Amino acid sequence: MKHSKFISRPSKKRDELIATDFLISSKSLVRAYAVAITETASPDVRKVLTEQLNKAIKTHAAIAGYMIDHEMYHVHDLKKQLKHDQEKLEVVKGFL
C-alpha cells in the first residue's frame, strides 16, 4: 500500500501529519474547556477548568510555533498557506 510506506518512513511530511493532527486536537480541547467554563456553576470547578484552558492554549501555541518554524503552517502568508494546502490535497488524492 502506498500510504503505509509514507507513514512508516521518517519524513517532514509524516511529522507535518502528526503535528497537524495534534494542532487540530488542541484547538478542540481549547473549545471544550471554554464551553465547560461557561456551563459550570461551581467557582472551584471553573478555576480548575480555567487553569486547564490556559495550559491547552499554551500547548496550542507551542504546536503552532513548531509548525510555523518548520514551514508546515503559514499563518502570515495566506497565498503560501493555500498553495501548501493544495499540495497536501494532491497527495491525499493520490491515496484515494
Protein backbone atom coordinates (compact mmCIF):
# COMPACT_ATOMS: atom_id res chain seq x y z
CA MET A 1 0.00 0.00 0.00
CA LYS A 2 1.24 3.46 -0.83
CA HIS A 3 0.19 5.09 2.43
CA SER A 4 1.88 2.54 4.72
CA LYS A 5 5.25 3.37 3.13
CA PHE A 6 4.53 7.08 3.52
CA ILE A 7 3.71 6.79 7.22
CA SER A 8 6.44 4.33 8.19
CA ARG A 9 9.47 6.25 6.90
CA PRO A 10 10.78 9.32 8.74
CA SER A 11 9.95 12.45 6.81
CA LYS A 12 8.88 16.05 7.12
CA LYS A 13 5.51 15.09 5.63
CA ARG A 14 4.94 12.48 8.33
CA ASP A 15 5.95 15.00 11.00
CA GLU A 16 3.57 17.52 9.48
CA LEU A 17 0.75 14.98 9.52
CA ILE A 18 1.31 14.31 13.22
CA ALA A 19 1.72 18.00 14.08
CA THR A 20 -1.44 18.93 12.16
CA ASP A 21 -3.43 16.26 13.97
CA PHE A 22 -2.05 17.48 17.29
CA LEU A 23 -2.87 21.11 16.39
CA ILE A 24 -6.47 20.26 15.47
CA SER A 25 -6.88 18.24 18.66
CA SER A 26 -5.50 21.07 20.77
CA LYS A 27 -7.97 23.51 19.19
CA SER A 28 -10.81 21.15 20.05
CA LEU A 29 -9.58 20.90 23.62
CA VAL A 30 -9.45 24.70 23.97
CA ARG A 31 -13.04 24.93 22.73
CA ALA A 32 -14.20 22.16 25.05
CA TYR A 33 -12.66 23.83 28.11
CA ALA A 34 -14.13 27.21 27.13
CA VAL A 35 -17.61 25.72 26.83
CA ALA A 36 -17.24 23.81 30.09
CA ILE A 37 -16.23 27.01 31.90
CA THR A 38 -19.39 28.75 30.72
CA GLU A 39 -21.55 25.79 31.76
CA THR A 40 -20.34 25.26 35.32
CA ALA A 41 -21.89 26.92 38.34
CA SER A 42 -19.08 25.97 40.72
CA PRO A 43 -16.33 28.55 41.25
CA ASP A 44 -13.91 25.76 42.21
CA VAL A 45 -14.61 23.79 39.03
CA ARG A 46 -14.41 26.98 36.98
CA LYS A 47 -10.98 27.71 38.47
CA VAL A 48 -9.67 24.24 37.61
CA LEU A 49 -11.10 24.41 34.10
CA THR A 50 -9.59 27.86 33.58
CA GLU A 51 -6.17 26.54 34.59
CA GLN A 52 -6.57 23.65 32.16
CA LEU A 53 -7.73 26.04 29.44
CA ASN A 54 -4.62 28.17 29.90
CA LYS A 55 -2.41 25.07 29.63
CA ALA A 56 -4.26 23.99 26.50
CA ILE A 57 -3.76 27.45 24.94
CA LYS A 58 -0.02 27.28 25.69
CA THR A 59 0.16 23.82 24.16
CA HIS A 60 -1.65 25.04 21.04
CA ALA A 61 0.74 27.98 20.76
CA ALA A 62 3.74 25.67 21.09
CA ILE A 63 2.45 23.34 18.37
CA ALA A 64 1.61 26.23 16.05
CA GLY A 65 5.03 27.75 16.71
CA TYR A 66 6.73 24.46 15.85
CA MET A 67 4.73 24.20 12.64
CA ILE A 68 5.48 27.81 11.67
CA ASP A 69 9.21 27.38 12.41
CA HIS A 70 9.31 24.24 10.25
CA GLU A 71 7.27 25.79 7.41
CA MET A 72 4.31 23.48 7.94
CA TYR A 73 1.89 26.29 8.79
CA HIS A 74 1.91 29.71 7.09
CA VAL A 75 -0.34 31.89 9.23
CA HIS A 76 1.14 35.16 7.98
CA ASP A 77 1.01 34.36 4.27
CA LEU A 78 -2.40 33.28 3.03
CA LYS A 79 -1.27 32.62 -0.55
CA LYS A 80 1.56 30.40 0.66
CA GLN A 81 -0.78 28.55 3.03
CA LEU A 82 -3.35 27.98 0.29
CA LYS A 83 -0.63 26.64 -2.03
CA HIS A 84 0.64 24.40 0.76
CA ASP A 85 -2.89 23.10 1.44
CA GLN A 86 -3.42 22.44 -2.27
CA GLU A 87 -0.20 20.42 -2.41
CA LYS A 88 -1.34 18.34 0.58
CA LEU A 89 -4.71 17.79 -1.09
CA GLU A 90 -3.00 16.46 -4.20
CA VAL A 91 -1.03 13.99 -2.06
CA VAL A 92 -4.23 12.81 -0.39
CA LYS A 93 -5.94 12.39 -3.76
CA GLY A 94 -3.13 10.01 -4.67
CA PHE A 95 -4.20 7.70 -1.84
CA LEU A 96 -7.84 7.52 -2.94
